[in-house]
Amino acid sequence: MKRILHILSSPRTTGSASRKLGHATISKIIDKYPGSLVEELDLAIQPVPHLEKLHIDAFFTAEDLRSPAQRDAVTYSDAWIAALQTADIIVVEAPMYNFTIPSTLKAFFDHLARVGITFRYTGNGLLPEGLLKNKQAYIVTSSGGIYSTGELKQYDFATPLVHFFLTLIGMEVVAVFRAEGQAIVGQEAALESGLASISIK
């Protein structure tokens, strides 16, 4: 049994290839780990607050020194970091919108990046060390073009961003599943290719 956190970010609540591919990924994980518990966060239905000065000030204020407003401001971040800390597997749906990820997903990541909680600076001038270790992550994406190979690969600012962020906070990204080329082969064919690629490690 595994604890799975499923993050959906497509603004399209129906007809979304990334959602279909994401749910299929969850099903495959449950097939491999029967009885697993799934917690779902749908950023199209449960919008994430974009960072404001109040959030940032609260993040960098010691817990016992926070004002009531600051304590309230960190509740969203604290709750979803706690969900990540208890999860074994994370599935992040990150469809490509204008060559990058939906703004809601970026805003969500901003609430997860907490120094001393999800990462720490090492003082050696290198990248920070991630603190959310021993967790597997799967990235699910969709796009109109083909960005995994070929001339457009350099313009994929979606999957590399998600991969980098999850790695930065300590997770192991084990696979990326893509429903790509929808504008070329059609959504159904792109989705079928993505579904066929699902392999749970």
N, C-alpha and C. Protein backbone atom coordinates (compact mmCIF):
# COMPACT_ATOMS: atom_id res chain seq x y z
N MET A 1 0.84 -1.20 0.00
CA MET A 1 0.00 0.00 0.00
C MET A 1 0.87 1.25 0.00
N LYS A 2 0.48 2.23 -0.82
CA LYS A 2 1.19 3.49 -0.90
C LYS A 2 0.23 4.66 -0.65
N ARG A 3 0.80 5.75 -0.20
CA ARG A 3 0.04 7.00 -0.12
C ARG A 3 0.41 7.83 -1.34
N ILE A 4 -0.61 8.17 -2.11
CA ILE A 4 -0.41 8.84 -3.39
C ILE A 4 -1.02 10.24 -3.34
N LEU A 5 -0.26 11.23 -3.77
CA LEU A 5 -0.79 12.59 -3.92
C LEU A 5 -0.88 12.88 -5.41
N HIS A 6 -2.09 13.20 -5.86
CA HIS A 6 -2.37 13.44 -7.27
C HIS A 6 -2.70 14.91 -7.46
N ILE A 7 -1.86 15.61 -8.22
CA ILE A 7 -2.04 17.05 -8.44
C ILE A 7 -2.46 17.28 -9.89
N LEU A 8 -3.64 17.86 -10.07
CA LEU A 8 -4.18 18.15 -11.39
C LEU A 8 -4.12 19.66 -11.62
N SER A 9 -3.73 20.08 -12.83
CA SER A 9 -3.61 21.51 -13.05
C SER A 9 -4.25 22.01 -14.34
N SER A 10 -4.78 21.12 -15.16
CA SER A 10 -5.42 21.59 -16.39
C SER A 10 -6.66 22.42 -16.07
N PRO A 11 -6.80 23.61 -16.65
CA PRO A 11 -8.03 24.38 -16.45
C PRO A 11 -9.25 23.69 -17.05
N ARG A 12 -9.01 22.76 -17.95
CA ARG A 12 -10.12 22.04 -18.59
C ARG A 12 -10.51 20.86 -17.72
N THR A 13 -11.68 20.96 -17.10
CA THR A 13 -12.12 19.88 -16.23
C THR A 13 -12.75 18.73 -17.02
N THR A 14 -13.08 18.97 -18.28
CA THR A 14 -13.57 17.90 -19.16
C THR A 14 -12.79 17.95 -20.47
N GLY A 15 -12.60 16.81 -21.08
CA GLY A 15 -11.93 16.75 -22.36
C GLY A 15 -10.44 16.98 -22.31
N SER A 16 -9.85 16.89 -21.14
CA SER A 16 -8.43 17.15 -20.99
C SER A 16 -7.62 15.87 -21.15
N ALA A 17 -6.65 15.89 -22.06
CA ALA A 17 -5.80 14.72 -22.26
C ALA A 17 -4.92 14.47 -21.05
N SER A 18 -4.42 15.53 -20.43
CA SER A 18 -3.55 15.34 -19.26
C SER A 18 -4.33 14.72 -18.10
N ARG A 19 -5.59 15.10 -17.94
CA ARG A 19 -6.39 14.51 -16.87
C ARG A 19 -6.64 13.02 -17.14
N LYS A 20 -6.95 12.68 -18.38
CA LYS A 20 -7.18 11.28 -18.70
C LYS A 20 -5.91 10.46 -18.49
N LEU A 21 -4.78 11.00 -18.92
CA LEU A 21 -3.51 10.31 -18.75
C LEU A 21 -3.13 10.23 -17.28
N GLY A 22 -3.43 11.28 -16.53
CA GLY A 22 -3.14 11.27 -15.10
C GLY A 22 -3.95 10.23 -14.35
N HIS A 23 -5.23 10.15 -14.65
CA HIS A 23 -6.08 9.15 -13.97
C HIS A 23 -5.65 7.73 -14.35
N ALA A 24 -5.23 7.56 -15.58
CA ALA A 24 -4.75 6.23 -15.99
C ALA A 24 -3.47 5.88 -15.23
N THR A 25 -2.63 6.87 -15.00
CA THR A 25 -1.40 6.64 -14.23
C THR A 25 -1.73 6.23 -12.80
N ILE A 26 -2.68 6.92 -12.20
CA ILE A 26 -3.11 6.57 -10.84
C ILE A 26 -3.63 5.13 -10.81
N SER A 27 -4.43 4.77 -11.80
CA SER A 27 -4.98 3.41 -11.85
C SER A 27 -3.88 2.36 -11.94
N LYS A 28 -2.86 2.65 -12.74
CA LYS A 28 -1.74 1.72 -12.87
C LYS A 28 -0.96 1.58 -11.56
N ILE A 29 -0.81 2.69 -10.85
CA ILE A 29 -0.12 2.63 -9.56
C ILE A 29 -0.92 1.79 -8.57
N ILE A 30 -2.23 1.98 -8.56
CA ILE A 30 -3.07 1.20 -7.65
C ILE A 30 -3.06 -0.28 -8.02
N ASP A 31 -3.00 -0.56 -9.33
CA ASP A 31 -2.89 -1.96 -9.76
C ASP A 31 -1.63 -2.60 -9.18
N LYS A 32 -0.55 -1.83 -9.14
CA LYS A 32 0.71 -2.36 -8.63
C LYS A 32 0.72 -2.40 -7.11
N TYR A 33 0.07 -1.42 -6.49
CA TYR A 33 0.04 -1.34 -5.03
C TYR A 33 -1.41 -1.30 -4.55
N PRO A 34 -2.08 -2.45 -4.54
CA PRO A 34 -3.50 -2.50 -4.15
C PRO A 34 -3.71 -1.91 -2.75
N GLY A 35 -4.83 -1.24 -2.61
CA GLY A 35 -5.17 -0.66 -1.31
C GLY A 35 -4.55 0.69 -1.06
N SER A 36 -3.85 1.23 -2.05
CA SER A 36 -3.20 2.53 -1.87
C SER A 36 -4.24 3.63 -1.64
N LEU A 37 -3.84 4.63 -0.89
CA LEU A 37 -4.71 5.77 -0.59
C LEU A 37 -4.33 6.93 -1.49
N VAL A 38 -5.34 7.54 -2.11
CA VAL A 38 -5.09 8.64 -3.04
C VAL A 38 -5.70 9.93 -2.49
N GLU A 39 -4.89 10.97 -2.40
CA GLU A 39 -5.38 12.31 -2.07
C GLU A 39 -5.23 13.15 -3.33
N GLU A 40 -6.29 13.86 -3.69
CA GLU A 40 -6.32 14.61 -4.94
C GLU A 40 -6.43 16.10 -4.68
N LEU A 41 -5.62 16.86 -5.40
CA LEU A 41 -5.72 18.32 -5.38
C LEU A 41 -5.93 18.78 -6.81
N ASP A 42 -7.10 19.34 -7.08
CA ASP A 42 -7.44 19.83 -8.41
C ASP A 42 -7.35 21.35 -8.39
N LEU A 43 -6.32 21.89 -9.00
CA LEU A 43 -6.07 23.33 -8.94
C LEU A 43 -7.07 24.13 -9.77
N ALA A 44 -7.85 23.46 -10.62
CA ALA A 44 -8.90 24.16 -11.36
C ALA A 44 -10.14 24.35 -10.50
N ILE A 45 -10.30 23.47 -9.51
CA ILE A 45 -11.47 23.52 -8.64
C ILE A 45 -11.13 24.14 -7.29
N GLN A 46 -9.91 23.89 -6.84
CA GLN A 46 -9.43 24.44 -5.56
C GLN A 46 -8.26 25.39 -5.86
N PRO A 47 -8.58 26.61 -6.32
CA PRO A 47 -7.52 27.53 -6.76
C PRO A 47 -6.51 27.82 -5.65
N VAL A 48 -5.27 27.91 -6.05
CA VAL A 48 -4.19 28.19 -5.11
C VAL A 48 -3.98 29.70 -5.04
N PRO A 49 -3.79 30.25 -3.86
CA PRO A 49 -3.52 31.69 -3.77
C PRO A 49 -2.13 32.02 -4.30
N HIS A 50 -2.05 33.03 -5.14
CA HIS A 50 -0.74 33.47 -5.59
C HIS A 50 -0.01 34.17 -4.45
N LEU A 51 1.30 34.08 -4.46
CA LEU A 51 2.08 34.64 -3.36
C LEU A 51 1.92 36.15 -3.27
N GLU A 52 1.73 36.61 -2.06
CA GLU A 52 1.70 38.04 -1.77
C GLU A 52 2.75 38.32 -0.69
N LYS A 53 2.97 39.58 -0.42
CA LYS A 53 3.96 39.97 0.57
C LYS A 53 3.68 39.30 1.92
N LEU A 54 2.42 39.17 2.27
CA LEU A 54 2.05 38.56 3.55
C LEU A 54 2.57 37.13 3.64
N HIS A 55 2.42 36.36 2.56
CA HIS A 55 2.91 34.98 2.56
C HIS A 55 4.42 34.95 2.75
N ILE A 56 5.12 35.75 1.96
CA ILE A 56 6.58 35.72 2.01
C ILE A 56 7.09 36.15 3.38
N ASP A 57 6.50 37.21 3.93
CA ASP A 57 6.91 37.64 5.27
C ASP A 57 6.66 36.53 6.29
N ALA A 58 5.54 35.84 6.15
CA ALA A 58 5.21 34.76 7.09
C ALA A 58 6.19 33.61 6.98
N PHE A 59 6.58 33.26 5.74
CA PHE A 59 7.52 32.16 5.54
C PHE A 59 8.85 32.43 6.23
N PHE A 60 9.25 33.70 6.27
CA PHE A 60 10.56 34.04 6.82
C PHE A 60 10.47 34.61 8.23
N THR A 61 9.35 34.38 8.89
CA THR A 61 9.19 34.78 10.29
C THR A 61 9.06 33.53 11.14
N ALA A 62 9.80 33.48 12.24
CA ALA A 62 9.72 32.31 13.14
C ALA A 62 8.28 32.09 13.57
N GLU A 63 7.91 30.82 13.69
CA GLU A 63 6.52 30.47 13.97
C GLU A 63 5.98 31.17 15.20
N ASP A 64 6.77 31.26 16.25
CA ASP A 64 6.28 31.86 17.49
C ASP A 64 6.23 33.39 17.44
N LEU A 65 6.75 33.96 16.36
CA LEU A 65 6.74 35.42 16.22
C LEU A 65 5.74 35.91 15.18
N ARG A 66 5.04 34.99 14.52
CA ARG A 66 4.10 35.40 13.48
C ARG A 66 2.87 36.09 14.06
N SER A 67 2.39 37.05 13.30
CA SER A 67 1.14 37.72 13.66
C SER A 67 -0.02 36.79 13.33
N PRO A 68 -1.21 37.07 13.83
CA PRO A 68 -2.37 36.24 13.46
C PRO A 68 -2.57 36.17 11.95
N ALA A 69 -2.38 37.28 11.25
CA ALA A 69 -2.55 37.28 9.80
C ALA A 69 -1.49 36.41 9.13
N GLN A 70 -0.28 36.43 9.64
CA GLN A 70 0.79 35.60 9.08
C GLN A 70 0.52 34.12 9.35
N ARG A 71 0.02 33.80 10.53
CA ARG A 71 -0.30 32.41 10.84
C ARG A 71 -1.38 31.89 9.89
N ASP A 72 -2.34 32.74 9.58
CA ASP A 72 -3.39 32.34 8.66
C ASP A 72 -2.83 32.19 7.25
N ALA A 73 -1.87 33.04 6.90
CA ALA A 73 -1.32 33.04 5.54
C ALA A 73 -0.55 31.77 5.22
N VAL A 74 0.04 31.14 6.21
CA VAL A 74 0.86 29.94 5.95
C VAL A 74 0.07 28.64 6.01
N THR A 75 -1.21 28.70 6.33
CA THR A 75 -1.97 27.46 6.50
C THR A 75 -2.05 26.65 5.21
N TYR A 76 -2.21 27.32 4.07
CA TYR A 76 -2.29 26.60 2.80
C TYR A 76 -0.98 25.88 2.53
N SER A 77 0.11 26.61 2.63
CA SER A 77 1.43 26.02 2.40
C SER A 77 1.70 24.87 3.36
N ASP A 78 1.45 25.08 4.63
CA ASP A 78 1.71 24.05 5.63
C ASP A 78 0.92 22.78 5.35
N ALA A 79 -0.35 22.94 4.95
CA ALA A 79 -1.22 21.78 4.74
C ALA A 79 -0.72 20.92 3.59
N TRP A 80 -0.32 21.56 2.48
CA TRP A 80 0.09 20.75 1.33
C TRP A 80 1.52 20.25 1.44
N ILE A 81 2.35 20.95 2.18
CA ILE A 81 3.66 20.39 2.48
C ILE A 81 3.52 19.15 3.35
N ALA A 82 2.60 19.21 4.31
CA ALA A 82 2.35 18.03 5.15
C ALA A 82 1.86 16.86 4.30
N ALA A 83 1.02 17.15 3.30
CA ALA A 83 0.54 16.08 2.42
C ALA A 83 1.69 15.48 1.62
N LEU A 84 2.61 16.32 1.17
CA LEU A 84 3.78 15.81 0.45
C LEU A 84 4.68 14.99 1.36
N GLN A 85 4.82 15.44 2.59
CA GLN A 85 5.70 14.73 3.53
C GLN A 85 5.20 13.33 3.83
N THR A 86 3.90 13.14 3.82
CA THR A 86 3.34 11.82 4.13
C THR A 86 3.14 10.95 2.89
N ALA A 87 3.25 11.55 1.70
CA ALA A 87 3.04 10.79 0.46
C ALA A 87 4.27 9.96 0.10
N ASP A 88 4.01 8.82 -0.51
CA ASP A 88 5.08 7.98 -1.04
C ASP A 88 5.31 8.25 -2.52
N ILE A 89 4.20 8.52 -3.23
CA ILE A 89 4.24 8.73 -4.67
C ILE A 89 3.45 10.00 -5.00
N ILE A 90 4.03 10.81 -5.88
CA ILE A 90 3.37 12.04 -6.30
C ILE A 90 3.18 11.98 -7.80
N VAL A 91 1.97 12.25 -8.26
CA VAL A 91 1.68 12.34 -9.69
C VAL A 91 1.30 13.78 -9.98
N VAL A 92 2.08 14.44 -10.82
CA VAL A 92 1.83 15.85 -11.15
C VAL A 92 1.41 15.94 -12.61
N GLU A 93 0.21 16.41 -12.84
CA GLU A 93 -0.25 16.67 -14.20
C GLU A 93 0.15 18.09 -14.56
N ALA A 94 0.93 18.23 -15.62
CA ALA A 94 1.44 19.54 -16.03
C ALA A 94 1.30 19.71 -17.54
N PRO A 95 0.08 19.97 -18.02
CA PRO A 95 -0.09 20.19 -19.45
C PRO A 95 0.65 21.45 -19.89
N MET A 96 1.10 21.46 -21.14
CA MET A 96 1.81 22.63 -21.64
C MET A 96 0.81 23.70 -22.07
N TYR A 97 0.96 24.88 -21.49
CA TYR A 97 0.18 26.05 -21.90
C TYR A 97 1.15 27.15 -22.27
N ASN A 98 1.15 27.55 -23.54
CA ASN A 98 2.06 28.60 -24.00
C ASN A 98 3.50 28.27 -23.64
N PHE A 99 3.86 27.01 -23.88
CA PHE A 99 5.23 26.50 -23.74
C PHE A 99 5.66 26.26 -22.29
N THR A 100 4.80 26.52 -21.33
CA THR A 100 5.18 26.27 -19.94
C THR A 100 3.97 25.69 -19.18
N ILE A 101 4.03 25.70 -17.87
CA ILE A 101 2.98 25.08 -17.07
C ILE A 101 1.86 26.08 -16.76
N PRO A 102 0.67 25.61 -16.41
CA PRO A 102 -0.40 26.53 -15.99
C PRO A 102 0.05 27.36 -14.79
N SER A 103 -0.41 28.59 -14.73
CA SER A 103 0.02 29.50 -13.66
C SER A 103 -0.37 28.99 -12.29
N THR A 104 -1.47 28.23 -12.22
CA THR A 104 -1.89 27.70 -10.92
C THR A 104 -0.87 26.70 -10.37
N LEU A 105 -0.27 25.93 -11.26
CA LEU A 105 0.73 24.96 -10.81
C LEU A 105 1.99 25.67 -10.35
N LYS A 106 2.40 26.72 -11.08
CA LYS A 106 3.55 27.50 -10.64
C LYS A 106 3.27 28.12 -9.27
N ALA A 107 2.07 28.65 -9.07
CA ALA A 107 1.71 29.24 -7.78
C ALA A 107 1.75 28.19 -6.67
N PHE A 108 1.30 26.98 -7.00
CA PHE A 108 1.34 25.89 -6.02
C PHE A 108 2.78 25.57 -5.63
N PHE A 109 3.65 25.49 -6.62
CA PHE A 109 5.07 25.23 -6.33
C PHE A 109 5.65 26.33 -5.44
N ASP A 110 5.22 27.57 -5.66
CA ASP A 110 5.73 28.66 -4.83
C ASP A 110 5.40 28.46 -3.36
N HIS A 111 4.27 27.82 -3.07
CA HIS A 111 3.90 27.55 -1.68
C HIS A 111 4.64 26.35 -1.10
N LEU A 112 5.23 25.54 -1.97
CA LEU A 112 5.96 24.36 -1.50
C LEU A 112 7.44 24.65 -1.26
N ALA A 113 7.95 25.69 -1.87
CA ALA A 113 9.38 26.01 -1.76
C ALA A 113 9.63 26.77 -0.45
N ARG A 114 9.94 26.03 0.60
CA ARG A 114 10.12 26.62 1.93
C ARG A 114 11.48 26.21 2.49
N VAL A 115 12.36 27.18 2.63
CA VAL A 115 13.69 26.91 3.13
C VAL A 115 13.62 26.34 4.55
N GLY A 116 14.37 25.28 4.77
CA GLY A 116 14.38 24.62 6.06
C GLY A 116 13.27 23.60 6.23
N ILE A 117 12.35 23.55 5.28
CA ILE A 117 11.23 22.61 5.35
C ILE A 117 11.24 21.65 4.17
N THR A 118 11.28 22.20 2.96
CA THR A 118 11.34 21.35 1.77
C THR A 118 12.72 21.36 1.11
N PHE A 119 13.56 22.33 1.47
CA PHE A 119 14.93 22.34 0.99
C PHE A 119 15.78 23.14 1.98
N ARG A 120 17.08 22.96 1.88
CA ARG A 120 17.98 23.75 2.72
C ARG A 120 19.20 24.16 1.91
N TYR A 121 19.71 25.33 2.23
CA TYR A 121 20.94 25.80 1.59
C TYR A 121 22.13 25.09 2.23
N THR A 122 23.08 24.70 1.40
CA THR A 122 24.24 23.97 1.91
C THR A 122 25.43 24.87 2.17
N GLY A 123 25.40 26.08 1.64
CA GLY A 123 26.50 27.00 1.87
C GLY A 123 27.71 26.76 1.00
N ASN A 124 27.57 25.85 0.03
CA ASN A 124 28.72 25.54 -0.82
C ASN A 124 28.60 26.16 -2.21
N GLY A 125 27.62 27.03 -2.38
CA GLY A 125 27.45 27.69 -3.66
C GLY A 125 26.76 26.86 -4.72
N LEU A 126 26.35 25.65 -4.35
CA LEU A 126 25.67 24.77 -5.29
C LEU A 126 24.16 24.84 -5.06
N LEU A 127 23.43 24.01 -5.77
CA LEU A 127 21.99 23.98 -5.59
C LEU A 127 21.64 23.55 -4.17
N PRO A 128 20.49 24.02 -3.66
CA PRO A 128 20.07 23.58 -2.33
C PRO A 128 19.84 22.07 -2.29
N GLU A 129 19.79 21.54 -1.09
CA GLU A 129 19.51 20.11 -0.88
C GLU A 129 18.02 19.94 -0.60
N GLY A 130 17.39 19.04 -1.34
CA GLY A 130 15.99 18.76 -1.11
C GLY A 130 15.79 17.95 0.15
N LEU A 131 14.69 18.22 0.86
CA LEU A 131 14.42 17.55 2.13
C LEU A 131 13.26 16.56 2.06
N LEU A 132 12.56 16.51 0.93
CA LEU A 132 11.46 15.55 0.78
C LEU A 132 11.99 14.32 0.07
N LYS A 133 12.70 13.50 0.81
CA LYS A 133 13.40 12.36 0.22
C LYS A 133 12.56 11.09 0.28
N ASN A 134 13.04 10.06 -0.42
CA ASN A 134 12.39 8.74 -0.44
C ASN A 134 10.97 8.81 -0.99
N LYS A 135 10.81 9.64 -2.03
CA LYS A 135 9.50 9.77 -2.67
C LYS A 135 9.67 9.68 -4.18
N GLN A 136 8.78 8.95 -4.81
CA GLN A 136 8.80 8.85 -6.27
C GLN A 136 7.80 9.83 -6.86
N ALA A 137 8.17 10.41 -8.00
CA ALA A 137 7.28 11.34 -8.67
C ALA A 137 7.13 10.95 -10.14
N TYR A 138 5.90 11.08 -10.63
CA TYR A 138 5.59 10.89 -12.04
C TYR A 138 5.05 12.20 -12.59
N ILE A 139 5.52 12.58 -13.76
CA ILE A 139 5.04 13.77 -14.43
C ILE A 139 4.18 13.35 -15.61
N VAL A 140 3.00 13.94 -15.69
CA VAL A 140 2.08 13.68 -16.80
C VAL A 140 1.88 14.99 -17.54
N THR A 141 2.07 14.98 -18.85
CA THR A 141 1.93 16.21 -19.61
C THR A 141 1.23 15.97 -20.94
N SER A 142 0.79 17.04 -21.54
CA SER A 142 0.15 16.97 -22.85
C SER A 142 0.50 18.24 -23.61
N SER A 143 0.48 18.14 -24.94
CA SER A 143 0.84 19.30 -25.75
C SER A 143 0.34 19.13 -27.18
N GLY A 144 0.22 20.25 -27.86
CA GLY A 144 -0.21 20.20 -29.26
C GLY A 144 0.89 19.71 -30.17
N GLY A 145 2.12 20.13 -29.88
CA GLY A 145 3.27 19.70 -30.67
C GLY A 145 4.01 18.56 -30.02
N ILE A 146 5.09 18.14 -30.66
CA ILE A 146 5.95 17.08 -30.11
C ILE A 146 7.20 17.74 -29.56
N TYR A 147 7.37 17.63 -28.24
CA TYR A 147 8.45 18.33 -27.57
C TYR A 147 9.46 17.39 -26.90
N SER A 148 9.21 16.11 -26.93
CA SER A 148 10.14 15.18 -26.30
C SER A 148 11.40 14.97 -27.13
N THR A 149 11.26 15.16 -28.44
CA THR A 149 12.40 15.02 -29.36
C THR A 149 12.24 16.05 -30.47
N GLY A 150 13.28 16.17 -31.27
CA GLY A 150 13.19 17.00 -32.45
C GLY A 150 13.41 18.48 -32.22
N GLU A 151 13.05 19.28 -33.22
CA GLU A 151 13.35 20.70 -33.22
C GLU A 151 12.66 21.47 -32.11
N LEU A 152 11.51 21.01 -31.65
CA LEU A 152 10.76 21.75 -30.63
C LEU A 152 11.21 21.44 -29.20
N LYS A 153 12.10 20.46 -29.04
CA LYS A 153 12.48 20.06 -27.68
C LYS A 153 13.03 21.22 -26.87
N GLN A 154 13.77 22.11 -27.51
CA GLN A 154 14.38 23.24 -26.80
C GLN A 154 13.34 24.25 -26.31
N TYR A 155 12.11 24.14 -26.82
CA TYR A 155 11.07 25.08 -26.43
C TYR A 155 10.11 24.51 -25.38
N ASP A 156 10.44 23.36 -24.86
CA ASP A 156 9.63 22.78 -23.78
C ASP A 156 10.10 23.36 -22.46
N PHE A 157 9.35 24.33 -21.95
CA PHE A 157 9.66 24.93 -20.66
C PHE A 157 8.72 24.42 -19.57
N ALA A 158 7.97 23.38 -19.89
CA ALA A 158 7.01 22.81 -18.94
C ALA A 158 7.61 21.63 -18.19
N THR A 159 7.88 20.55 -18.90
CA THR A 159 8.38 19.34 -18.25
C THR A 159 9.71 19.55 -17.54
N PRO A 160 10.69 20.23 -18.16
CA PRO A 160 11.95 20.45 -17.44
C PRO A 160 11.77 21.25 -16.15
N LEU A 161 10.86 22.21 -16.17
CA LEU A 161 10.61 23.02 -14.97
C LEU A 161 10.07 22.14 -13.84
N VAL A 162 9.07 21.32 -14.16
CA VAL A 162 8.47 20.45 -13.15
C VAL A 162 9.50 19.44 -12.64
N HIS A 163 10.24 18.85 -13.56
CA HIS A 163 11.27 17.88 -13.19
C HIS A 163 12.30 18.52 -12.26
N PHE A 164 12.77 19.71 -12.63
CA PHE A 164 13.77 20.40 -11.82
C PHE A 164 13.22 20.72 -10.43
N PHE A 165 12.00 21.22 -10.36
CA PHE A 165 11.45 21.61 -9.06
C PHE A 165 11.28 20.40 -8.15
N LEU A 166 10.71 19.33 -8.66
CA LEU A 166 10.51 18.14 -7.84
C LEU A 166 11.84 17.57 -7.35
N THR A 167 12.84 17.58 -8.23
CA THR A 167 14.18 17.12 -7.85
C THR A 167 14.78 18.05 -6.80
N LEU A 168 14.58 19.35 -6.99
CA LEU A 168 15.13 20.33 -6.07
C LEU A 168 14.65 20.12 -4.64
N ILE A 169 13.38 19.72 -4.47
CA ILE A 169 12.86 19.52 -3.12
C ILE A 169 13.06 18.08 -2.63
N GLY A 170 13.81 17.29 -3.40
CA GLY A 170 14.26 16.00 -2.90
C GLY A 170 13.65 14.76 -3.49
N MET A 171 12.69 14.91 -4.42
CA MET A 171 12.00 13.74 -4.95
C MET A 171 12.74 13.12 -6.12
N GLU A 172 12.48 11.85 -6.35
CA GLU A 172 13.03 11.14 -7.50
C GLU A 172 11.97 11.08 -8.60
N VAL A 173 12.22 11.77 -9.69
CA VAL A 173 11.31 11.71 -10.83
C VAL A 173 11.64 10.44 -11.62
N VAL A 174 10.72 9.50 -11.61
CA VAL A 174 11.02 8.19 -12.21
C VAL A 174 10.52 8.05 -13.64
N ALA A 175 9.55 8.89 -14.05
CA ALA A 175 9.05 8.77 -15.42
C ALA A 175 8.24 9.99 -15.80
N VAL A 176 8.19 10.25 -17.10
CA VAL A 176 7.34 11.29 -17.68
C VAL A 176 6.47 10.64 -18.74
N PHE A 177 5.16 10.83 -18.64
CA PHE A 177 4.23 10.27 -19.61
C PHE A 177 3.61 11.43 -20.39
N ARG A 178 3.62 11.31 -21.73
CA ARG A 178 3.21 12.43 -22.59
C ARG A 178 2.10 12.05 -23.55
N ALA A 179 1.09 12.90 -23.61
CA ALA A 179 0.10 12.85 -24.69
C ALA A 179 0.43 14.04 -25.58
N GLU A 180 1.40 13.86 -26.45
CA GLU A 180 1.91 14.98 -27.24
C GLU A 180 1.58 14.83 -28.72
N GLY A 181 1.67 15.96 -29.43
CA GLY A 181 1.37 15.95 -30.85
C GLY A 181 -0.11 15.96 -31.17
N GLN A 182 -0.92 16.50 -30.27
CA GLN A 182 -2.37 16.49 -30.48
C GLN A 182 -2.77 17.28 -31.71
N ALA A 183 -2.03 18.36 -32.00
CA ALA A 183 -2.35 19.17 -33.18
C ALA A 183 -1.88 18.51 -34.47
N ILE A 184 -1.11 17.44 -34.32
CA ILE A 184 -0.56 16.75 -35.49
C ILE A 184 -1.31 15.46 -35.77
N VAL A 185 -1.46 14.62 -34.75
CA VAL A 185 -2.08 13.31 -34.94
C VAL A 185 -3.49 13.24 -34.37
N GLY A 186 -3.91 14.29 -33.65
CA GLY A 186 -5.21 14.28 -33.00
C GLY A 186 -5.11 13.88 -31.54
N GLN A 187 -6.06 14.33 -30.74
CA GLN A 187 -6.00 14.06 -29.31
C GLN A 187 -6.08 12.57 -29.00
N GLU A 188 -6.96 11.86 -29.69
CA GLU A 188 -7.16 10.45 -29.38
C GLU A 188 -5.88 9.64 -29.61
N ALA A 189 -5.22 9.87 -30.76
CA ALA A 189 -3.99 9.13 -31.06
C ALA A 189 -2.87 9.53 -30.10
N ALA A 190 -2.79 10.81 -29.77
CA ALA A 190 -1.76 11.27 -28.83
C ALA A 190 -1.99 10.66 -27.46
N LEU A 191 -3.25 10.62 -27.06
CA LEU A 191 -3.58 10.03 -25.76
C LEU A 191 -3.28 8.54 -25.73
N GLU A 192 -3.64 7.84 -26.81
CA GLU A 192 -3.36 6.40 -26.86
C GLU A 192 -1.87 6.12 -26.74
N SER A 193 -1.06 6.94 -27.38
CA SER A 193 0.38 6.77 -27.28
C SER A 193 0.86 7.00 -25.86
N GLY A 194 0.30 8.02 -25.21
CA GLY A 194 0.66 8.28 -23.81
C GLY A 194 0.23 7.16 -22.89
N LEU A 195 -0.96 6.64 -23.10
CA LEU A 195 -1.46 5.53 -22.26
C LEU A 195 -0.57 4.29 -22.42
N ALA A 196 -0.15 4.04 -23.65
CA ALA A 196 0.69 2.87 -23.91
C ALA A 196 2.06 2.99 -23.25
N SER A 197 2.47 4.22 -22.97
CA SER A 197 3.81 4.43 -22.41
C SER A 197 3.87 4.26 -20.88
N ILE A 198 2.71 4.17 -20.23
CA ILE A 198 2.69 4.14 -18.77
C ILE A 198 3.33 2.86 -18.25
N SER A 199 4.34 3.04 -17.44
CA SER A 199 5.02 1.93 -16.79
C SER A 199 5.38 2.36 -15.38
N ILE A 200 4.88 1.66 -14.40
CA ILE A 200 5.10 2.04 -13.00
C ILE A 200 6.30 1.28 -12.46
N LYS A 201 7.23 2.02 -11.89
CA LYS A 201 8.48 1.41 -11.39
C LYS A 201 8.40 1.14 -9.91
